[in-house]
Amino acid sequence: MKRYRGFLFDADNTLFDYDRAETEALTATLGTALPTVPLQTVLVAYHEINAGFWRSFEQGSVGLEELKTGRFRALLHSLGCKGDAAAISSQYLKQLSERAYFMPFAREVIEALSRSFVLALVTNGISMVQRGRLNRSGIAHHFQALIISEELGIAKPDPRFFRAAVEAVAIPPDELLCVGDNPGSDIEGARAAGIDSCWYTAKNQPWPGPGARPSLVISDLREILDLAS
């Protein structure tokens, strides 16, 4: 089995339960901002709009500032409601930054790996949210580097994002393993940068593509510890 010197971990739905945090933050924010619209209707509309904005962001056709406010502006328009999209966005991001829930065994795995390996957190995200959650999580000190797309100005799957992570940890690409849940931004992005990757599928789903299935696929983060034994 190949030995690695360092690990690059995605944040959302790899180490942190983003779905839970997002649902709570949206409920707290939109339940107040749009009290006359059934919450489930609002959430369904938001998820569709948000997914489109993130796809555009990762493709480079939408900037992060437009994503932050634009998704709520589009939400208000789709529901035929009036409101201050910027204020809604600000409140939502604040709510999200205050919620740091772990995926199963994430804390234990990071604590164990940090004793012998160099770790970096690599995430497409908004700085105040990612740093806020990481600081609240109690595991920030285990990471030598934190690479956030908003701060870098480049997003996964762009190979330059991963090259920045390689430079930050000072370990050659072929001695790193990227662990993430997103087949495109995490797996294909790392592959394009010459970094081995491990797809984490908490629900044990079949590989959806794009590209070939990575050699390492796990449904339990503790399986990563086998690489460290």
Protein backbone atom coordinates (compact mmCIF):
# COMPACT_ATOMS: atom_id res chain seq x y z
CA MET A 1 0.00 0.00 0.00
CA LYS A 2 1.34 3.42 -0.95
CA ARG A 3 2.60 5.59 1.87
CA TYR A 4 1.75 9.28 2.03
CA ARG A 5 3.40 12.12 3.92
CA GLY A 6 0.40 14.43 3.96
CA PHE A 7 -3.34 14.66 3.49
CA LEU A 8 -5.52 17.34 1.94
CA PHE A 9 -9.03 17.26 3.39
CA ASP A 10 -12.09 18.88 1.92
CA ALA A 11 -14.30 20.57 4.52
CA ASP A 12 -17.99 20.41 3.60
CA ASN A 13 -19.58 16.97 3.90
CA THR A 14 -16.13 15.43 4.30
CA LEU A 15 -15.08 16.66 7.74
CA PHE A 16 -18.04 18.89 8.57
CA ASP A 17 -21.73 18.03 8.26
CA TYR A 18 -22.57 20.90 5.94
CA ASP A 19 -26.08 19.67 5.19
CA ARG A 20 -27.12 19.89 8.84
CA ALA A 21 -25.48 23.28 9.33
CA GLU A 22 -26.98 24.65 6.13
CA THR A 23 -30.50 23.47 7.01
CA GLU A 24 -30.34 25.06 10.45
CA ALA A 25 -28.87 28.32 9.12
CA LEU A 26 -31.42 28.57 6.31
CA THR A 27 -34.30 27.79 8.65
CA ALA A 28 -33.20 30.49 11.09
CA THR A 29 -32.63 33.04 8.32
CA LEU A 30 -35.38 32.43 5.78
CA GLY A 31 -38.03 31.61 8.33
CA THR A 32 -37.64 35.20 9.51
CA ALA A 33 -37.03 36.85 6.13
CA LEU A 34 -39.92 35.12 4.34
CA PRO A 35 -42.46 34.30 7.06
CA THR A 36 -45.45 34.11 4.70
CA VAL A 37 -43.96 31.40 2.44
CA PRO A 38 -43.97 27.76 3.60
CA LEU A 39 -40.45 26.94 4.73
CA GLN A 40 -40.25 23.74 2.69
CA THR A 41 -41.14 25.67 -0.46
CA VAL A 42 -38.39 28.18 0.29
CA LEU A 43 -35.81 25.46 0.98
CA VAL A 44 -36.54 23.52 -2.20
CA ALA A 45 -36.27 26.65 -4.31
CA TYR A 46 -33.08 27.75 -2.57
CA HIS A 47 -31.29 24.42 -2.99
CA GLU A 48 -31.93 24.41 -6.74
CA ILE A 49 -30.81 28.02 -7.16
CA ASN A 50 -27.78 27.62 -4.90
CA ALA A 51 -26.58 24.52 -6.73
CA GLY A 52 -26.68 26.42 -9.99
CA PHE A 53 -24.70 29.32 -8.59
CA TRP A 54 -22.01 27.00 -7.18
CA ARG A 55 -21.69 25.17 -10.51
CA SER A 56 -21.21 28.51 -12.22
CA PHE A 57 -18.69 29.55 -9.59
CA GLU A 58 -16.61 26.41 -10.02
CA GLN A 59 -16.70 26.93 -13.80
CA GLY A 60 -15.49 30.49 -13.32
CA SER A 61 -18.51 32.21 -14.82
CA VAL A 62 -19.79 33.69 -11.53
CA GLY A 63 -17.70 35.42 -8.88
CA LEU A 64 -18.03 34.68 -5.18
CA GLU A 65 -19.46 38.09 -4.34
CA GLU A 66 -22.21 37.57 -6.90
CA LEU A 67 -22.84 34.08 -5.54
CA LYS A 68 -23.26 35.34 -1.97
CA THR A 69 -26.03 37.80 -2.80
CA GLY A 70 -27.17 36.66 -6.22
CA ARG A 71 -28.59 33.35 -5.01
CA PHE A 72 -30.86 35.15 -2.54
CA ARG A 73 -31.82 37.77 -5.10
CA ALA A 74 -32.79 34.94 -7.45
CA LEU A 75 -34.67 33.21 -4.63
CA LEU A 76 -36.74 36.30 -3.88
CA HIS A 77 -37.51 36.71 -7.59
CA SER A 78 -38.53 33.06 -8.01
CA LEU A 79 -40.94 33.29 -5.07
CA GLY A 80 -42.32 36.65 -6.11
CA CYS A 81 -41.19 38.22 -2.84
CA LYS A 82 -39.53 41.47 -1.94
CA GLY A 83 -36.60 41.73 0.42
CA ASP A 84 -33.03 42.81 0.96
CA ALA A 85 -30.91 40.05 -0.61
CA ALA A 86 -27.67 41.44 0.82
CA ALA A 87 -29.07 41.52 4.36
CA ILE A 88 -30.45 38.00 4.03
CA SER A 89 -27.08 36.78 2.75
CA SER A 90 -25.22 38.43 5.61
CA GLN A 91 -27.48 36.88 8.23
CA TYR A 92 -27.31 33.45 6.61
CA LEU A 93 -23.50 33.46 6.48
CA LYS A 94 -23.34 34.51 10.12
CA GLN A 95 -25.67 31.68 11.10
CA LEU A 96 -23.68 29.18 9.03
CA SER A 97 -20.32 30.25 10.46
CA GLU A 98 -21.54 29.46 13.96
CA ARG A 99 -22.35 25.80 13.25
CA ALA A 100 -19.52 23.28 13.26
CA TYR A 101 -20.91 19.75 13.19
CA PHE A 102 -18.61 16.84 12.42
CA MET A 103 -19.17 14.03 9.98
CA PRO A 104 -18.90 10.63 11.72
CA PHE A 105 -15.43 10.03 13.20
CA ALA A 106 -13.96 13.14 11.55
CA ARG A 107 -12.53 14.58 14.76
CA GLU A 108 -10.96 11.27 15.78
CA VAL A 109 -9.39 10.71 12.37
CA ILE A 110 -7.89 14.20 12.16
CA GLU A 111 -6.49 13.97 15.69
CA ALA A 112 -4.91 10.58 14.92
CA LEU A 113 -3.43 11.58 11.57
CA SER A 114 -2.03 14.85 12.88
CA ARG A 115 0.40 12.96 15.13
CA SER A 116 2.36 11.66 12.14
CA PHE A 117 1.28 13.50 9.00
CA VAL A 118 1.02 17.00 7.60
CA LEU A 119 -2.61 18.02 7.13
CA ALA A 120 -4.23 20.79 5.11
CA LEU A 121 -7.85 21.83 4.77
CA VAL A 122 -8.78 22.64 1.17
CA THR A 123 -12.19 24.16 0.57
CA ASN A 124 -14.28 26.06 -1.93
CA GLY A 125 -16.00 28.43 0.39
CA ILE A 126 -16.46 31.76 2.04
CA SER A 127 -13.70 32.75 4.42
CA MET A 128 -15.80 33.92 7.37
CA VAL A 129 -17.86 30.73 7.24
CA GLN A 130 -14.99 28.27 6.90
CA ARG A 131 -12.73 29.97 9.41
CA GLY A 132 -15.62 30.50 11.80
CA ARG A 133 -16.59 26.83 11.79
CA LEU A 134 -13.01 25.62 11.94
CA ASN A 135 -12.22 27.85 14.92
CA ARG A 136 -15.29 26.55 16.75
CA SER A 137 -14.52 22.93 15.94
CA GLY A 138 -11.47 22.55 18.16
CA ILE A 139 -9.35 20.94 15.42
CA ALA A 140 -7.88 24.03 13.74
CA HIS A 141 -4.47 23.50 15.33
CA HIS A 142 -4.11 20.14 13.57
CA PHE A 143 -3.82 21.74 10.13
CA GLN A 144 -0.59 23.18 8.81
CA ALA A 145 -2.44 25.01 6.03
CA LEU A 146 -5.94 26.26 5.28
CA ILE A 147 -6.63 26.90 1.59
CA ILE A 148 -9.93 28.71 0.98
CA SER A 149 -11.05 29.62 -2.52
CA GLU A 150 -12.23 33.12 -1.53
CA GLU A 151 -8.83 33.98 -0.06
CA LEU A 152 -6.85 32.36 -2.86
CA GLY A 153 -8.96 33.77 -5.67
CA ILE A 154 -9.02 30.34 -7.34
CA ALA A 155 -11.50 27.53 -6.78
CA LYS A 156 -11.39 23.76 -7.05
CA PRO A 157 -11.19 21.96 -9.48
CA ASP A 158 -8.64 24.40 -10.95
CA PRO A 159 -5.23 22.65 -10.66
CA ARG A 160 -3.75 25.95 -9.46
CA PHE A 161 -5.81 25.61 -6.28
CA PHE A 162 -4.16 22.28 -5.54
CA ARG A 163 -0.72 23.56 -6.47
CA ALA A 164 -1.21 26.26 -3.85
CA ALA A 165 -1.93 23.53 -1.30
CA VAL A 166 1.18 21.61 -2.38
CA GLU A 167 3.27 24.74 -1.89
CA ALA A 168 1.70 25.44 1.50
CA VAL A 169 2.54 22.00 2.92
CA ALA A 170 5.90 21.70 1.11
CA ILE A 171 5.29 18.09 0.11
CA PRO A 172 5.50 16.79 -3.48
CA PRO A 173 2.14 16.04 -5.16
CA ASP A 174 2.86 12.31 -5.44
CA GLU A 175 3.25 12.08 -1.67
CA LEU A 176 -0.13 13.65 -0.91
CA LEU A 177 -3.65 12.23 -0.79
CA CYS A 178 -6.72 14.41 -1.26
CA VAL A 179 -9.84 13.23 0.56
CA GLY A 180 -13.18 14.68 -0.49
CA ASP A 181 -16.82 13.99 -1.24
CA ASN A 182 -17.17 15.91 -4.52
CA PRO A 183 -16.25 13.84 -7.60
CA GLY A 184 -15.61 16.94 -9.70
CA SER A 185 -14.00 19.59 -7.53
CA ASP A 186 -12.15 17.22 -5.17
CA ILE A 187 -11.35 14.08 -7.14
CA GLU A 188 -10.93 15.36 -10.69
CA GLY A 189 -9.29 18.54 -9.44
CA ALA A 190 -6.67 16.65 -7.46
CA ARG A 191 -6.09 14.22 -10.32
CA ALA A 192 -5.41 17.09 -12.73
CA ALA A 193 -2.76 18.38 -10.32
CA GLY A 194 -1.01 15.00 -10.05
CA ILE A 195 -2.34 14.26 -6.56
CA ASP A 196 -3.83 10.91 -5.58
CA SER A 197 -7.42 11.15 -4.37
CA CYS A 198 -9.84 9.31 -2.15
CA TRP A 199 -13.57 9.68 -2.64
CA TYR A 200 -15.54 9.76 0.60
CA THR A 201 -19.16 8.71 0.08
CA ALA A 202 -20.88 8.64 3.45
CA LYS A 203 -23.97 7.00 1.93
CA ASN A 204 -21.92 4.37 0.07
CA GLN A 205 -23.08 5.57 -3.34
CA PRO A 206 -21.79 4.28 -6.69
CA TRP A 207 -19.19 6.41 -8.46
CA PRO A 208 -21.08 8.99 -10.60
CA GLY A 209 -18.14 10.43 -12.53
CA PRO A 210 -16.81 12.55 -14.10
CA GLY A 211 -13.78 10.54 -15.11
CA ALA A 212 -12.60 7.21 -13.87
CA ARG A 213 -13.37 5.96 -10.40
CA PRO A 214 -10.48 6.74 -8.05
CA SER A 215 -8.53 3.80 -6.67
CA LEU A 216 -9.52 4.72 -3.13
CA VAL A 217 -13.21 4.93 -2.19
CA ILE A 218 -14.38 4.94 1.42
CA SER A 219 -17.68 5.24 3.26
CA ASP A 220 -16.13 5.57 6.72
CA LEU A 221 -13.40 8.12 7.44
CA ARG A 222 -11.68 5.65 9.77
CA GLU A 223 -10.61 3.70 6.70
CA ILE A 224 -8.07 6.48 6.09
CA LEU A 225 -6.24 5.31 9.20
CA ASP A 226 -5.35 2.08 7.40
CA LEU A 227 -3.05 4.19 5.22
CA ALA A 228 -1.26 5.42 8.31
CA SER A 229 -0.62 2.05 9.92
